[in-house]
Every structure is written in structure tokens, then in C-alpha cells.
Amino acid sequence: MAKQRQEFVRARLGQLKQRMADLSMINMANIPRDRAAIGSTVVVYDSTKAEKIEYKLVTSEESDVTKGLISTSSPIGRALMGKKVGDVSEVVTPTGKRELEVLKLTTIHDEA
């Protein structure tokens, strides 16, 4: 049993090392300054719920929906990627179709 656990831990360490290598290859110069991208904070108006919501676009490892941290690979994250203030995006979520209008955008460059 201990050997199985050790193999699992070794495999997970390999995955994490690979993910760290992938993340270290992100070039900040390639992240847009005027569009939503990883690290951006986006305030949207959800016309379906008639409310303003703030999301921060993060990696899948950092995502926590209860804190507004949305993965760039989630349906909402993918819908917001590349959007500017004033853009409207339609997204299909497990709870149904939603229409999100970008009201405010703060990129990772603005926060630095």
C-alpha cells in the first residue's frame, strides 16, 4: 500500500513540475493590455440575473468560483477571453445560457 502511495505521489510531483515549467513559459509581453486575458479582473453585467459580477481570470489550479476566481478554461472564462469593455458575450453554462457585458476591465499589466 505504501509503495502505491509513493508511486502516486511521484507521478503527481512529475505532473506539477511539468505544469510549473509550462507556466514559466508564459511571456508577459504576449498578454494583451486592452483585452481580457489570464490575470485580468473583469466586471460584467449578467443580463440573465440582472446583476454585476466581478471575475478574475486565473489558471485551473487557482480557480475558486466562490471567490470569483474563474479558470480561463471554464465556459465563462473562455467566453471572456479576448473581450474589451463594451463587448457582449453569450455563454452556455450548466445552469443555462447567459449574456455577459463587459463593464470594466483591469489587466495584469494594470495591477502591476
PDB file of N, CA and C in Angstrom:
ATOM      1  N   MET A   1       0.818  -1.187   0.000  1.00  0.00           N
ATOM      2  CA  MET A   1       0.000   0.000   0.000  1.00  0.00           C
ATOM      3  C   MET A   1       0.873   1.266   0.000  1.00  0.00           C
ATOM      4  N   ALA A   2       1.933   1.227   0.801  1.00  0.00           N
ATOM      5  CA  ALA A   2       2.834   2.385   0.885  1.00  0.00           C
ATOM      6  C   ALA A   2       3.535   2.615  -0.450  1.00  0.00           C
ATOM      7  N   LYS A   3       3.884   1.538  -1.141  1.00  0.00           N
ATOM      8  CA  LYS A   3       4.536   1.679  -2.457  1.00  0.00           C
ATOM      9  C   LYS A   3       3.580   2.304  -3.474  1.00  0.00           C
ATOM     10  N   GLN A   4       2.314   1.913  -3.432  1.00  0.00           N
ATOM     11  CA  GLN A   4       1.318   2.502  -4.321  1.00  0.00           C
ATOM     12  C   GLN A   4       1.189   3.993  -4.055  1.00  0.00           C
ATOM     13  N   ARG A   5       1.126   4.367  -2.805  1.00  0.00           N
ATOM     14  CA  ARG A   5       1.008   5.779  -2.430  1.00  0.00           C
ATOM     15  C   ARG A   5       2.252   6.551  -2.883  1.00  0.00           C
ATOM     16  N   GLN A   6       3.413   5.937  -2.709  1.00  0.00           N
ATOM     17  CA  GLN A   6       4.661   6.564  -3.119  1.00  0.00           C
ATOM     18  C   GLN A   6       4.679   6.786  -4.637  1.00  0.00           C
ATOM     19  N   GLU A   7       4.199   5.827  -5.390  1.00  0.00           N
ATOM     20  CA  GLU A   7       4.133   5.964  -6.848  1.00  0.00           C
ATOM     21  C   GLU A   7       3.158   7.065  -7.246  1.00  0.00           C
ATOM     22  N   PHE A   8       2.037   7.127  -6.552  1.00  0.00           N
ATOM     23  CA  PHE A   8       1.063   8.183  -6.815  1.00  0.00           C
ATOM     24  C   PHE A   8       1.676   9.552  -6.563  1.00  0.00           C
ATOM     25  N   VAL A   9       2.349   9.701  -5.424  1.00  0.00           N
ATOM     26  CA  VAL A   9       2.986  10.975  -5.082  1.00  0.00           C
ATOM     27  C   VAL A   9       4.062  11.320  -6.104  1.00  0.00           C
ATOM     28  N   ARG A  10       4.845  10.358  -6.522  1.00  0.00           N
ATOM     29  CA  ARG A  10       5.900  10.587  -7.518  1.00  0.00           C
ATOM     30  C   ARG A  10       5.292  11.038  -8.857  1.00  0.00           C
ATOM     31  N   ALA A  11       4.202  10.402  -9.255  1.00  0.00           N
ATOM     32  CA  ALA A  11       3.537  10.775 -10.513  1.00  0.00           C
ATOM     33  C   ALA A  11       2.960  12.183 -10.407  1.00  0.00           C
ATOM     34  N   ARG A  12       2.358  12.497  -9.274  1.00  0.00           N
ATOM     35  CA  ARG A  12       1.779  13.834  -9.085  1.00  0.00           C
ATOM     36  C   ARG A  12       2.867  14.904  -9.086  1.00  0.00           C
ATOM     37  N   LEU A  13       3.994  14.616  -8.472  1.00  0.00           N
ATOM     38  CA  LEU A  13       5.121  15.550  -8.493  1.00  0.00           C
ATOM     39  C   LEU A  13       5.593  15.808  -9.921  1.00  0.00           C
ATOM     40  N   GLY A  14       5.637  14.762 -10.724  1.00  0.00           N
ATOM     41  CA  GLY A  14       6.013  14.910 -12.134  1.00  0.00           C
ATOM     42  C   GLY A  14       5.041  15.811 -12.870  1.00  0.00           C
ATOM     43  N   GLN A  15       3.737  15.638 -12.603  1.00  0.00           N
ATOM     44  CA  GLN A  15       2.719  16.490 -13.234  1.00  0.00           C
ATOM     45  C   GLN A  15       2.886  17.942 -12.818  1.00  0.00           C
ATOM     46  N   LEU A  16       3.111  18.167 -11.539  1.00  0.00           N
ATOM     47  CA  LEU A  16       3.260  19.533 -11.034  1.00  0.00           C
ATOM     48  C   LEU A  16       4.520  20.203 -11.585  1.00  0.00           C
ATOM     49  N   LYS A  17       5.605  19.457 -11.695  1.00  0.00           N
ATOM     50  CA  LYS A  17       6.839  20.007 -12.279  1.00  0.00           C
ATOM     51  C   LYS A  17       6.605  20.409 -13.727  1.00  0.00           C
ATOM     52  N   GLN A  18       5.875  19.583 -14.461  1.00  0.00           N
ATOM     53  CA  GLN A  18       5.571  19.899 -15.859  1.00  0.00           C
ATOM     54  C   GLN A  18       4.689  21.133 -15.954  1.00  0.00           C
ATOM     55  N   ARG A  19       3.705  21.238 -15.080  1.00  0.00           N
ATOM     56  CA  ARG A  19       2.809  22.400 -15.087  1.00  0.00           C
ATOM     57  C   ARG A  19       3.579  23.671 -14.750  1.00  0.00           C
ATOM     58  N   MET A  20       4.491  23.590 -13.775  1.00  0.00           N
ATOM     59  CA  MET A  20       5.327  24.747 -13.419  1.00  0.00           C
ATOM     60  C   MET A  20       6.202  25.167 -14.601  1.00  0.00           C
ATOM     61  N   ALA A  21       6.737  24.203 -15.323  1.00  0.00           N
ATOM     62  CA  ALA A  21       7.548  24.519 -16.499  1.00  0.00           C
ATOM     63  C   ALA A  21       6.694  25.204 -17.557  1.00  0.00           C
ATOM     64  N   ASP A  22       5.473  24.715 -17.754  1.00  0.00           N
ATOM     65  CA  ASP A  22       4.563  25.328 -18.724  1.00  0.00           C
ATOM     66  C   ASP A  22       4.230  26.767 -18.335  1.00  0.00           C
ATOM     67  N   LEU A  23       3.946  26.983 -17.053  1.00  0.00           N
ATOM     68  CA  LEU A  23       3.583  28.319 -16.586  1.00  0.00           C
ATOM     69  C   LEU A  23       4.760  29.289 -16.653  1.00  0.00           C
ATOM     70  N   SER A  24       5.944  28.790 -16.459  1.00  0.00           N
ATOM     71  CA  SER A  24       7.114  29.674 -16.514  1.00  0.00           C
ATOM     72  C   SER A  24       7.396  30.143 -17.937  1.00  0.00           C
ATOM     73  N   MET A  25       6.800  29.494 -18.906  1.00  0.00           N
ATOM     74  CA  MET A  25       7.000  29.867 -20.313  1.00  0.00           C
ATOM     75  C   MET A  25       6.055  30.983 -20.762  1.00  0.00           C
ATOM     76  N   ILE A  26       5.144  31.406 -19.892  1.00  0.00           N
ATOM     77  CA  ILE A  26       4.212  32.487 -20.249  1.00  0.00           C
ATOM     78  C   ILE A  26       5.003  33.778 -20.397  1.00  0.00           C
ATOM     79  N   ASN A  27       4.873  34.391 -21.550  1.00  0.00           N
ATOM     80  CA  ASN A  27       5.568  35.635 -21.845  1.00  0.00           C
ATOM     81  C   ASN A  27       4.611  36.791 -21.575  1.00  0.00           C
ATOM     82  N   MET A  28       4.949  37.621 -20.603  1.00  0.00           N
ATOM     83  CA  MET A  28       4.082  38.747 -20.223  1.00  0.00           C
ATOM     84  C   MET A  28       3.861  39.706 -21.392  1.00  0.00           C
ATOM     85  N   ALA A  29       4.813  39.791 -22.293  1.00  0.00           N
ATOM     86  CA  ALA A  29       4.676  40.684 -23.443  1.00  0.00           C
ATOM     87  C   ALA A  29       3.565  40.221 -24.382  1.00  0.00           C
ATOM     88  N   ASN A  30       3.220  38.943 -24.330  1.00  0.00           N
ATOM     89  CA  ASN A  30       2.176  38.404 -25.198  1.00  0.00           C
ATOM     90  C   ASN A  30       0.774  38.557 -24.611  1.00  0.00           C
ATOM     91  N   ILE A  31       0.675  38.984 -23.362  1.00  0.00           N
ATOM     92  CA  ILE A  31      -0.632  39.175 -22.735  1.00  0.00           C
ATOM     93  C   ILE A  31      -1.125  40.564 -23.125  1.00  0.00           C
ATOM     94  N   PRO A  32      -2.312  40.650 -23.746  1.00  0.00           N
ATOM     95  CA  PRO A  32      -2.814  41.952 -24.227  1.00  0.00           C
ATOM     96  C   PRO A  32      -3.072  42.934 -23.092  1.00  0.00           C
ATOM     97  N   ARG A  33      -2.937  44.214 -23.412  1.00  0.00           N
ATOM     98  CA  ARG A  33      -3.141  45.282 -22.434  1.00  0.00           C
ATOM     99  C   ARG A  33      -4.562  45.845 -22.473  1.00  0.00           C
ATOM    100  N   ASP A  34      -5.309  45.542 -23.547  1.00  0.00           N
ATOM    101  CA  ASP A  34      -6.646  46.127 -23.698  1.00  0.00           C
ATOM    102  C   ASP A  34      -7.753  45.086 -23.803  1.00  0.00           C
ATOM    103  N   ARG A  35      -7.425  43.833 -23.611  1.00  0.00           N
ATOM    104  CA  ARG A  35      -8.408  42.750 -23.703  1.00  0.00           C
ATOM    105  C   ARG A  35      -8.251  41.809 -22.515  1.00  0.00           C
ATOM    106  N   ALA A  36      -9.324  41.107 -22.190  1.00  0.00           N
ATOM    107  CA  ALA A  36      -9.294  40.156 -21.084  1.00  0.00           C
ATOM    108  C   ALA A  36      -8.373  38.992 -21.416  1.00  0.00           C
ATOM    109  N   ALA A  37      -7.527  38.648 -20.463  1.00  0.00           N
ATOM    110  CA  ALA A  37      -6.593  37.528 -20.599  1.00  0.00           C
ATOM    111  C   ALA A  37      -6.293  37.015 -19.192  1.00  0.00           C
ATOM    112  N   ILE A  38      -5.442  36.037 -19.096  1.00  0.00           N
ATOM    113  CA  ILE A  38      -5.096  35.478 -17.791  1.00  0.00           C
ATOM    114  C   ILE A  38      -4.594  36.600 -16.870  1.00  0.00           C
ATOM    115  N   GLY A  39      -5.084  36.621 -15.637  1.00  0.00           N
ATOM    116  CA  GLY A  39      -4.708  37.650 -14.677  1.00  0.00           C
ATOM    117  C   GLY A  39      -5.605  38.866 -14.685  1.00  0.00           C
ATOM    118  N   SER A  40      -6.504  38.970 -15.659  1.00  0.00           N
ATOM    119  CA  SER A  40      -7.397  40.127 -15.746  1.00  0.00           C
ATOM    120  C   SER A  40      -8.545  40.016 -14.743  1.00  0.00           C
ATOM    121  N   THR A  41      -8.981  41.176 -14.257  1.00  0.00           N
ATOM    122  CA  THR A  41     -10.189  41.260 -13.443  1.00  0.00           C
ATOM    123  C   THR A  41     -11.247  41.904 -14.324  1.00  0.00           C
ATOM    124  N   VAL A  42     -12.381  41.233 -14.454  1.00  0.00           N
ATOM    125  CA  VAL A  42     -13.434  41.680 -15.363  1.00  0.00           C
ATOM    126  C   VAL A  42     -14.733  41.850 -14.577  1.00  0.00           C
ATOM    127  N   VAL A  43     -15.330  43.039 -14.688  1.00  0.00           N
ATOM    128  CA  VAL A  43     -16.652  43.274 -14.103  1.00  0.00           C
ATOM    129  C   VAL A  43     -17.643  43.182 -15.249  1.00  0.00           C
ATOM    130  N   VAL A  44     -18.625  42.282 -15.101  1.00  0.00           N
ATOM    131  CA  VAL A  44     -19.610  42.067 -16.156  1.00  0.00           C
ATOM    132  C   VAL A  44     -21.014  42.313 -15.616  1.00  0.00           C
ATOM    133  N   TYR A  45     -21.904  42.627 -16.545  1.00  0.00           N
ATOM    134  CA  TYR A  45     -23.331  42.699 -16.218  1.00  0.00           C
ATOM    135  C   TYR A  45     -23.980  41.457 -16.797  1.00  0.00           C
ATOM    136  N   ASP A  46     -24.528  40.641 -15.927  1.00  0.00           N
ATOM    137  CA  ASP A  46     -25.213  39.419 -16.339  1.00  0.00           C
ATOM    138  C   ASP A  46     -26.683  39.763 -16.517  1.00  0.00           C
ATOM    139  N   SER A  47     -27.112  39.923 -17.767  1.00  0.00           N
ATOM    140  CA  SER A  47     -28.494  40.323 -18.035  1.00  0.00           C
ATOM    141  C   SER A  47     -29.496  39.231 -17.648  1.00  0.00           C
ATOM    142  N   THR A  48     -29.056  38.000 -17.583  1.00  0.00           N
ATOM    143  CA  THR A  48     -29.933  36.905 -17.178  1.00  0.00           C
ATOM    144  C   THR A  48     -30.316  37.045 -15.705  1.00  0.00           C
ATOM    145  N   LYS A  49     -29.330  37.410 -14.883  1.00  0.00           N
ATOM    146  CA  LYS A  49     -29.564  37.560 -13.446  1.00  0.00           C
ATOM    147  C   LYS A  49     -29.791  39.018 -13.048  1.00  0.00           C
ATOM    148  N   ALA A  50     -29.602  39.942 -13.997  1.00  0.00           N
ATOM    149  CA  ALA A  50     -29.736  41.383 -13.759  1.00  0.00           C
ATOM    150  C   ALA A  50     -28.838  41.838 -12.604  1.00  0.00           C
ATOM    151  N   GLU A  51     -27.541  41.436 -12.676  1.00  0.00           N
ATOM    152  CA  GLU A  51     -26.606  41.836 -11.636  1.00  0.00           C
ATOM    153  C   GLU A  51     -25.191  41.990 -12.183  1.00  0.00           C
ATOM    154  N   LYS A  52     -24.389  42.774 -11.470  1.00  0.00           N
ATOM    155  CA  LYS A  52     -22.976  42.931 -11.799  1.00  0.00           C
ATOM    156  C   LYS A  52     -22.194  41.857 -11.058  1.00  0.00           C
ATOM    157  N   ILE A  53     -21.222  41.265 -11.756  1.00  0.00           N
ATOM    158  CA  ILE A  53     -20.392  40.225 -11.159  1.00  0.00           C
ATOM    159  C   ILE A  53     -18.941  40.531 -11.511  1.00  0.00           C
ATOM    160  N   GLU A  54     -18.043  40.316 -10.561  1.00  0.00           N
ATOM    161  CA  GLU A  54     -16.615  40.507 -10.809  1.00  0.00           C
ATOM    162  C   GLU A  54     -15.930  39.152 -10.859  1.00  0.00           C
ATOM    163  N   TYR A  55     -15.163  38.930 -11.932  1.00  0.00           N
ATOM    164  CA  TYR A  55     -14.405  37.697 -12.094  1.00  0.00           C
ATOM    165  C   TYR A  55     -12.937  38.031 -12.271  1.00  0.00           C
ATOM    166  N   LYS A  56     -12.077  37.168 -11.783  1.00  0.00           N
ATOM    167  CA  LYS A  56     -10.651  37.249 -12.070  1.00  0.00           C
ATOM    168  C   LYS A  56     -10.303  35.986 -12.846  1.00  0.00           C
ATOM    169  N   LEU A  57      -9.670  36.155 -14.016  1.00  0.00           N
ATOM    170  CA  LEU A  57      -9.316  35.022 -14.869  1.00  0.00           C
ATOM    171  C   LEU A  57      -7.984  34.440 -14.410  1.00  0.00           C
ATOM    172  N   VAL A  58      -8.005  33.179 -14.006  1.00  0.00           N
ATOM    173  CA  VAL A  58      -6.836  32.516 -13.429  1.00  0.00           C
ATOM    174  C   VAL A  58      -6.627  31.147 -14.076  1.00  0.00           C
ATOM    175  N   THR A  59      -5.560  30.470 -13.671  1.00  0.00           N
ATOM    176  CA  THR A  59      -5.310  29.106 -14.154  1.00  0.00           C
ATOM    177  C   THR A  59      -6.291  28.149 -13.482  1.00  0.00           C
ATOM    178  N   SER A  60      -6.395  26.961 -14.015  1.00  0.00           N
ATOM    179  CA  SER A  60      -7.340  25.984 -13.460  1.00  0.00           C
ATOM    180  C   SER A  60      -6.968  25.592 -12.030  1.00  0.00           C
ATOM    181  N   GLU A  61      -5.680  25.628 -11.684  1.00  0.00           N
ATOM    182  CA  GLU A  61      -5.255  25.278 -10.329  1.00  0.00           C
ATOM    183  C   GLU A  61      -5.698  26.320  -9.305  1.00  0.00           C
ATOM    184  N   GLU A  62      -5.822  27.566  -9.713  1.00  0.00           N
ATOM    185  CA  GLU A  62      -6.176  28.653  -8.798  1.00  0.00           C
ATOM    186  C   GLU A  62      -7.673  28.897  -8.700  1.00  0.00           C
ATOM    187  N   SER A  63      -8.451  28.325  -9.583  1.00  0.00           N
ATOM    188  CA  SER A  63      -9.872  28.667  -9.667  1.00  0.00           C
ATOM    189  C   SER A  63     -10.628  28.345  -8.374  1.00  0.00           C
ATOM    190  N   ASP A  64     -11.508  29.270  -8.008  1.00  0.00           N
ATOM    191  CA  ASP A  64     -12.393  29.125  -6.854  1.00  0.00           C
ATOM    192  C   ASP A  64     -13.607  30.006  -7.126  1.00  0.00           C
ATOM    193  N   VAL A  65     -14.661  29.412  -7.613  1.00  0.00           N
ATOM    194  CA  VAL A  65     -15.846  30.143  -8.051  1.00  0.00           C
ATOM    195  C   VAL A  65     -16.434  30.985  -6.921  1.00  0.00           C
ATOM    196  N   THR A  66     -16.393  30.489  -5.693  1.00  0.00           N
ATOM    197  CA  THR A  66     -16.963  31.232  -4.573  1.00  0.00           C
ATOM    198  C   THR A  66     -16.231  32.553  -4.320  1.00  0.00           C
ATOM    199  N   LYS A  67     -14.968  32.631  -4.738  1.00  0.00           N
ATOM    200  CA  LYS A  67     -14.172  33.853  -4.571  1.00  0.00           C
ATOM    201  C   LYS A  67     -14.112  34.668  -5.866  1.00  0.00           C
ATOM    202  N   GLY A  68     -14.809  34.214  -6.911  1.00  0.00           N
ATOM    203  CA  GLY A  68     -14.797  34.931  -8.182  1.00  0.00           C
ATOM    204  C   GLY A  68     -13.576  34.640  -9.032  1.00  0.00           C
ATOM    205  N   LEU A  69     -12.812  33.616  -8.682  1.00  0.00           N
ATOM    206  CA  LEU A  69     -11.634  33.221  -9.452  1.00  0.00           C
ATOM    207  C   LEU A  69     -12.067  32.182 -10.485  1.00  0.00           C
ATOM    208  N   ILE A  70     -12.100  32.596 -11.748  1.00  0.00           N
ATOM    209  CA  ILE A  70     -12.628  31.759 -12.824  1.00  0.00           C
ATOM    210  C   ILE A  70     -11.482  31.282 -13.705  1.00  0.00           C
ATOM    211  N   SER A  71     -11.457  29.999 -13.958  1.00  0.00           N
ATOM    212  CA  SER A  71     -10.429  29.429 -14.828  1.00  0.00           C
ATOM    213  C   SER A  71     -10.624  29.890 -16.271  1.00  0.00           C
ATOM    214  N   THR A  72      -9.521  30.135 -16.942  1.00  0.00           N
ATOM    215  CA  THR A  72      -9.590  30.533 -18.350  1.00  0.00           C
ATOM    216  C   THR A  72     -10.083  29.383 -19.229  1.00  0.00           C
ATOM    217  N   SER A  73     -10.120  28.181 -18.678  1.00  0.00           N
ATOM    218  CA  SER A  73     -10.609  27.043 -19.457  1.00  0.00           C
ATOM    219  C   SER A  73     -12.077  26.712 -19.149  1.00  0.00           C
ATOM    220  N   SER A  74     -12.690  27.436 -18.213  1.00  0.00           N
ATOM    221  CA  SER A  74     -14.105  27.225 -17.899  1.00  0.00           C
ATOM    222  C   SER A  74     -14.968  27.887 -18.969  1.00  0.00           C
ATOM    223  N   PRO A  75     -16.248  27.537 -19.066  1.00  0.00           N
ATOM    224  CA  PRO A  75     -17.109  28.177 -20.081  1.00  0.00           C
ATOM    225  C   PRO A  75     -17.134  29.700 -19.974  1.00  0.00           C
ATOM    226  N   ILE A  76     -17.255  30.235 -18.759  1.00  0.00           N
ATOM    227  CA  ILE A  76     -17.279  31.690 -18.591  1.00  0.00           C
ATOM    228  C   ILE A  76     -15.915  32.282 -18.911  1.00  0.00           C
ATOM    229  N   GLY A  77     -14.858  31.644 -18.453  1.00  0.00           N
ATOM    230  CA  GLY A  77     -13.511  32.124 -18.734  1.00  0.00           C
ATOM    231  C   GLY A  77     -13.223  32.177 -20.228  1.00  0.00           C
ATOM    232  N   ARG A  78     -13.586  31.117 -20.937  1.00  0.00           N
ATOM    233  CA  ARG A  78     -13.377  31.094 -22.398  1.00  0.00           C
ATOM    234  C   ARG A  78     -14.197  32.178 -23.085  1.00  0.00           C
ATOM    235  N   ALA A  79     -15.411  32.417 -22.581  1.00  0.00           N
ATOM    236  CA  ALA A  79     -16.272  33.437 -23.191  1.00  0.00           C
ATOM    237  C   ALA A  79     -15.721  34.842 -22.984  1.00  0.00           C
ATOM    238  N   LEU A  80     -15.018  35.072 -21.878  1.00  0.00           N
ATOM    239  CA  LEU A  80     -14.496  36.405 -21.581  1.00  0.00           C
ATOM    240  C   LEU A  80     -13.120  36.674 -22.188  1.00  0.00           C
ATOM    241  N   MET A  81     -12.378  35.635 -22.476  1.00  0.00           N
ATOM    242  CA  MET A  81     -11.028  35.814 -23.031  1.00  0.00           C
ATOM    243  C   MET A  81     -11.085  36.638 -24.320  1.00  0.00           C
ATOM    244  N   GLY A  82     -10.248  37.667 -24.387  1.00  0.00           N
ATOM    245  CA  GLY A  82     -10.144  38.488 -25.580  1.00  0.00           C
ATOM    246  C   GLY A  82     -11.195  39.581 -25.701  1.00  0.00           C
ATOM    247  N   LYS A  83     -12.066  39.707 -24.707  1.00  0.00           N
ATOM    248  CA  LYS A  83     -13.121  40.725 -24.765  1.00  0.00           C
ATOM    249  C   LYS A  83     -12.612  42.072 -24.250  1.00  0.00           C
ATOM    250  N   LYS A  84     -13.213  43.157 -24.770  1.00  0.00           N
ATOM    251  CA  LYS A  84     -12.918  44.524 -24.353  1.00  0.00           C
ATOM    252  C   LYS A  84     -14.132  45.080 -23.620  1.00  0.00           C
ATOM    253  N   VAL A  85     -13.961  46.253 -22.995  1.00  0.00           N
ATOM    254  CA  VAL A  85     -15.082  46.930 -22.346  1.00  0.00           C
ATOM    255  C   VAL A  85     -16.138  47.233 -23.412  1.00  0.00           C
ATOM    256  N   GLY A  86     -17.383  46.892 -23.113  1.00  0.00           N
ATOM    257  CA  GLY A  86     -18.489  47.106 -24.042  1.00  0.00           C
ATOM    258  C   GLY A  86     -18.868  45.869 -24.829  1.00  0.00           C
ATOM    259  N   ASP A  87     -17.964  44.896 -24.905  1.00  0.00           N
ATOM    260  CA  ASP A  87     -18.271  43.653 -25.623  1.00  0.00           C
ATOM    261  C   ASP A  87     -19.302  42.830 -24.854  1.00  0.00           C
ATOM    262  N   VAL A  88     -20.143  42.143 -25.602  1.00  0.00           N
ATOM    263  CA  VAL A  88     -21.148  41.261 -25.010  1.00  0.00           C
ATOM    264  C   VAL A  88     -20.819  39.841 -25.442  1.00  0.00           C
ATOM    265  N   SER A  89     -20.874  38.928 -24.493  1.00  0.00           N
ATOM    266  CA  SER A  89     -20.555  37.535 -24.778  1.00  0.00           C
ATOM    267  C   SER A  89     -21.687  36.645 -24.296  1.00  0.00           C
ATOM    268  N   GLU A  90     -22.059  35.704 -25.130  1.00  0.00           N
ATOM    269  CA  GLU A  90     -23.083  34.738 -24.754  1.00  0.00           C
ATOM    270  C   GLU A  90     -22.370  33.449 -24.371  1.00  0.00           C
ATOM    271  N   VAL A  91     -22.721  32.913 -23.225  1.00  0.00           N
ATOM    272  CA  VAL A  91     -22.058  31.709 -22.728  1.00  0.00           C
ATOM    273  C   VAL A  91     -23.104  30.698 -22.276  1.00  0.00           C
ATOM    274  N   VAL A  92     -22.843  29.444 -22.581  1.00  0.00           N
ATOM    275  CA  VAL A  92     -23.722  28.361 -22.143  1.00  0.00           C
ATOM    276  C   VAL A  92     -23.063  27.703 -20.936  1.00  0.00           C
ATOM    277  N   THR A  93     -23.745  27.756 -19.804  1.00  0.00           N
ATOM    278  CA  THR A  93     -23.253  27.150 -18.570  1.00  0.00           C
ATOM    279  C   THR A  93     -24.185  26.003 -18.184  1.00  0.00           C
ATOM    280  N   PRO A  94     -23.781  25.203 -17.204  1.00  0.00           N
ATOM    281  CA  PRO A  94     -24.672  24.118 -16.765  1.00  0.00           C
ATOM    282  C   PRO A  94     -26.042  24.624 -16.299  1.00  0.00           C
ATOM    283  N   THR A  95     -26.115  25.896 -15.858  1.00  0.00           N
ATOM    284  CA  THR A  95     -27.398  26.445 -15.398  1.00  0.00           C
ATOM    285  C   THR A  95     -28.184  27.104 -16.523  1.00  0.00           C
ATOM    286  N   GLY A  96     -27.633  27.124 -17.727  1.00  0.00           N
ATOM    287  CA  GLY A  96     -28.338  27.697 -18.864  1.00  0.00           C
ATOM    288  C   GLY A  96     -27.526  28.750 -19.585  1.00  0.00           C
ATOM    289  N   LYS A  97     -28.149  29.369 -20.584  1.00  0.00           N
ATOM    290  CA  LYS A  97     -27.483  30.387 -21.401  1.00  0.00           C
ATOM    291  C   LYS A  97     -27.466  31.716 -20.656  1.00  0.00           C
ATOM    292  N   ARG A  98     -26.294  32.399 -20.678  1.00  0.00           N
ATOM    293  CA  ARG A  98     -26.147  33.692 -20.019  1.00  0.00           C
ATOM    294  C   ARG A  98     -25.527  34.695 -20.988  1.00  0.00           C
ATOM    295  N   GLU A  99     -25.919  35.944 -20.840  1.00  0.00           N
ATOM    296  CA  GLU A  99     -25.359  37.014 -21.657  1.00  0.00           C
ATOM    297  C   GLU A  99     -24.591  37.947 -20.729  1.00  0.00           C
ATOM    298  N   LEU A 100     -23.276  38.104 -20.997  1.00  0.00           N
ATOM    299  CA  LEU A 100     -22.413  38.899 -20.144  1.00  0.00           C
ATOM    300  C   LEU A 100     -21.868  40.095 -20.924  1.00  0.00           C
ATOM    301  N   GLU A 101     -22.051  41.293 -20.384  1.00  0.00           N
ATOM    302  CA  GLU A 101     -21.499  42.503 -20.992  1.00  0.00           C
ATOM    303  C   GLU A 101     -20.341  42.981 -20.130  1.00  0.00           C
ATOM    304  N   VAL A 102     -19.191  43.211 -20.758  1.00  0.00           N
ATOM    305  CA  VAL A 102     -18.009  43.664 -20.029  1.00  0.00           C
ATOM    306  C   VAL A 102     -18.169  45.149 -19.699  1.00  0.00           C
ATOM    307  N   LEU A 103     -18.211  45.460 -18.397  1.00  0.00           N
ATOM    308  CA  LEU A 103     -18.366  46.834 -17.939  1.00  0.00           C
ATOM    309  C   LEU A 103     -17.023  47.476 -17.593  1.00  0.00           C
ATOM    310  N   LYS A 104     -16.133  46.686 -16.998  1.00  0.00           N
ATOM    311  CA  LYS A 104     -14.836  47.195 -16.561  1.00  0.00           C
ATOM    312  C   LYS A 104     -13.796  46.100 -16.727  1.00  0.00           C
ATOM    313  N   LEU A 105     -12.598  46.495 -17.121  1.00  0.00           N
ATOM    314  CA  LEU A 105     -11.517  45.539 -17.340  1.00  0.00           C
ATOM    315  C   LEU A 105     -10.229  46.082 -16.742  1.00  0.00           C
ATOM    316  N   THR A 106      -9.600  45.274 -15.908  1.00  0.00           N
ATOM    317  CA  THR A 106      -8.283  45.584 -15.352  1.00  0.00           C
ATOM    318  C   THR A 106      -7.371  44.428 -15.727  1.00  0.00           C
ATOM    319  N   THR A 107      -6.358  44.688 -16.538  1.00  0.00           N
ATOM    320  CA  THR A 107      -5.458  43.612 -16.966  1.00  0.00           C
ATOM    321  C   THR A 107      -4.348  43.406 -15.943  1.00  0.00           C
ATOM    322  N   ILE A 108      -3.605  42.343 -16.128  1.00  0.00           N
ATOM    323  CA  ILE A 108      -2.481  42.040 -15.244  1.00  0.00           C
ATOM    324  C   ILE A 108      -1.439  43.146 -15.300  1.00  0.00           C
ATOM    325  N   HIS A 109      -1.354  43.860 -16.428  1.00  0.00           N
ATOM    326  CA  HIS A 109      -0.415  44.968 -16.578  1.00  0.00           C
ATOM    327  C   HIS A 109      -0.836  46.160 -15.721  1.00  0.00           C
ATOM    328  N   ASP A 110      -2.161  46.379 -15.605  1.00  0.00           N
ATOM    329  CA  ASP A 110      -2.676  47.487 -14.806  1.00  0.00           C
ATOM    330  C   ASP A 110      -2.444  47.266 -13.313  1.00  0.00           C
ATOM    331  N   GLU A 111      -2.452  45.990 -12.896  1.00  0.00           N
ATOM    332  CA  GLU A 111      -2.306  45.652 -11.492  1.00  0.00           C
ATOM    333  C   GLU A 111      -0.857  45.645 -11.041  1.00  0.00           C
ATOM    334  N   ALA A 112       0.067  45.632 -11.968  1.00  0.00           N
ATOM    335  CA  ALA A 112       1.498  45.551 -11.615  1.00  0.00           C
ATOM    336  C   ALA A 112       2.031  46.844 -11.067  1.00  0.00           C
TER     337      ALA A 112
END
